[in-house]
C-alpha atoms as a PDB file:
ATOM      1  CA  MET A   1     184.755-161.822  -6.617  1.00  0.00           C
ATOM      2  CA  TYR A   2     185.751-158.361  -7.399  1.00  0.00           C
ATOM      3  CA  ALA A   3     186.156-155.356  -5.183  1.00  0.00           C
ATOM      4  CA  HIS A   4     185.895-151.754  -5.750  1.00  0.00           C
ATOM      5  CA  ARG A   5     185.807-148.757  -3.817  1.00  0.00           C
ATOM      6  CA  SER A   6     183.472-145.628  -4.483  1.00  0.00           C
ATOM      7  CA  ASN A   7     183.310-142.449  -2.958  1.00  0.00           C
ATOM      8  CA  GLY A   8     185.454-144.590   0.260  1.00  0.00           C
ATOM      9  CA  VAL A   9     182.631-147.539   0.685  1.00  0.00           C
ATOM     10  CA  TRP A  10     184.109-150.766  -0.851  1.00  0.00           C
ATOM     11  CA  THR A  11     181.820-152.730  -2.655  1.00  0.00           C
ATOM     12  CA  VAL A  12     181.890-156.612  -3.207  1.00  0.00           C
ATOM     13  CA  GLU A  13     180.757-158.618  -6.166  1.00  0.00           C
ATOM     14  CA  VAL A  14     180.703-162.090  -6.619  1.00  0.00           C
ATOM     15  CA  ALA A  15     181.870-162.583 -10.866  1.00  0.00           C
ATOM     16  CA  ASP A  16     180.981-166.343 -11.392  1.00  0.00           C
ATOM     17  CA  ALA A  17     179.035-168.273  -8.271  1.00  0.00           C
ATOM     18  CA  ALA A  18     178.648-171.505 -10.580  1.00  0.00           C
ATOM     19  CA  GLY A  19     180.204-174.833  -9.249  1.00  0.00           C
ATOM     20  CA  SER A  20     183.967-173.868  -7.498  1.00  0.00           C
ATOM     21  CA  ALA A  21     184.886-171.075  -9.539  1.00  0.00           C
ATOM     22  CA  GLY A  22     187.279-168.239  -8.994  1.00  0.00           C
ATOM     23  CA  GLY A  23     191.019-170.241  -9.203  1.00  0.00           C
ATOM     24  CA  ARG A  24     194.187-168.707 -10.144  1.00  0.00           C
ATOM     25  CA  PRO A  25     192.323-165.728 -11.088  1.00  0.00           C
ATOM     26  CA  GLU A  26     193.368-162.834 -13.476  1.00  0.00           C
ATOM     27  CA  LEU A  27     192.182-159.306 -13.426  1.00  0.00           C
ATOM     28  CA  ALA A  28     192.601-157.147 -16.258  1.00  0.00           C
ATOM     29  CA  PHE A  29     190.135-154.134 -17.823  1.00  0.00           C
ATOM     30  CA  ASP A  30     188.481-153.768 -21.611  1.00  0.00           C
ATOM     31  CA  ALA A  31     188.437-150.340 -23.909  1.00  0.00           C
ATOM     32  CA  GLY A  32     185.923-149.052 -21.396  1.00  0.00           C
ATOM     33  CA  GLY A  33     187.865-149.617 -18.284  1.00  0.00           C
ATOM     34  CA  ARG A  34     185.009-152.609 -17.115  1.00  0.00           C
ATOM     35  CA  PRO A  35     186.544-155.401 -15.216  1.00  0.00           C
ATOM     36  CA  MET A  36     187.058-158.631 -16.174  1.00  0.00           C
ATOM     37  CA  VAL A  37     188.408-161.533 -14.730  1.00  0.00           C
ATOM     38  CA  ALA A  38     189.860-165.075 -16.282  1.00  0.00           C
ATOM     39  CA  HIS A  39     189.581-167.741 -13.349  1.00  0.00           C
ATOM     40  CA  HIS A  40     189.553-171.727 -13.578  1.00  0.00           C
ATOM     41  CA  GLU A  41     186.641-173.530 -12.223  1.00  0.00           C
ATOM     42  CA  TRP A  42     187.902-176.469 -10.493  1.00  0.00           C
ATOM     43  CA  THR A  43     184.483-179.026 -10.911  1.00  0.00           C
ATOM     44  CA  GLN A  44     183.916-179.066 -14.859  1.00  0.00           C
ATOM     45  CA  SER A  45     188.250-177.767 -15.225  1.00  0.00           C
ATOM     46  CA  ASP A  46     187.570-175.455 -16.963  1.00  0.00           C
ATOM     47  CA  LEU A  47     188.800-171.728 -18.047  1.00  0.00           C
ATOM     48  CA  ARG A  48     186.738-169.154 -18.243  1.00  0.00           C
ATOM     49  CA  LEU A  49     186.106-165.354 -18.170  1.00  0.00           C
ATOM     50  CA  SER A  50     183.796-163.088 -16.759  1.00  0.00           C
ATOM     51  CA  ARG A  51     183.044-159.416 -17.654  1.00  0.00           C
ATOM     52  CA  ARG A  52     181.143-156.579 -15.598  1.00  0.00           C
ATOM     53  CA  LEU A  53     178.100-155.541 -17.842  1.00  0.00           C
ATOM     54  CA  ALA A  54     175.742-153.210 -17.256  1.00  0.00           C
ATOM     55  CA  ALA A  55     173.228-155.486 -16.192  1.00  0.00           C
ATOM     56  CA  GLY A  56     175.814-156.962 -13.845  1.00  0.00           C
ATOM     57  CA  TRP A  57     178.622-159.969 -14.633  1.00  0.00           C
ATOM     58  CA  ALA A  58     177.889-162.949 -18.095  1.00  0.00           C
ATOM     59  CA  THR A  59     180.848-165.214 -18.165  1.00  0.00           C
ATOM     60  CA  TRP A  60     181.977-167.379 -21.064  1.00  0.00           C
ATOM     61  CA  THR A  61     183.580-170.787 -20.732  1.00  0.00           C
ATOM     62  CA  ILE A  62     186.920-170.630 -22.911  1.00  0.00           C
ATOM     63  CA  SER A  63     188.466-174.347 -22.229  1.00  0.00           C
ATOM     64  CA  ASP A  64     186.562-176.870 -21.105  1.00  0.00           C
ATOM     65  CA  PHE A  65     189.397-179.361 -22.413  1.00  0.00           C
ATOM     66  CA  GLY A  66     190.262-180.207 -18.970  1.00  0.00           C
ATOM     67  CA  VAL A  67     192.838-178.712 -16.339  1.00  0.00           C
ATOM     68  CA  ASN A  68     193.797-175.853 -18.120  1.00  0.00           C
ATOM     69  CA  GLY A  69     195.550-172.267 -17.565  1.00  0.00           C
END
């Protein structure tokens, strides 16, 4: 999940809804100020990266070789 505040209103977005994603999250921002969340997906033991794009969130599996992170 990613939360941001705009004009005094908080908005919560789901960055990755697959399986049991979201473990051990790390937040960073790219050069354009867009949020990126690296996180662990527990069901498949994947390390994943979710990035906010204009059309919503995109997620990639960075490593799928067992327990990572």
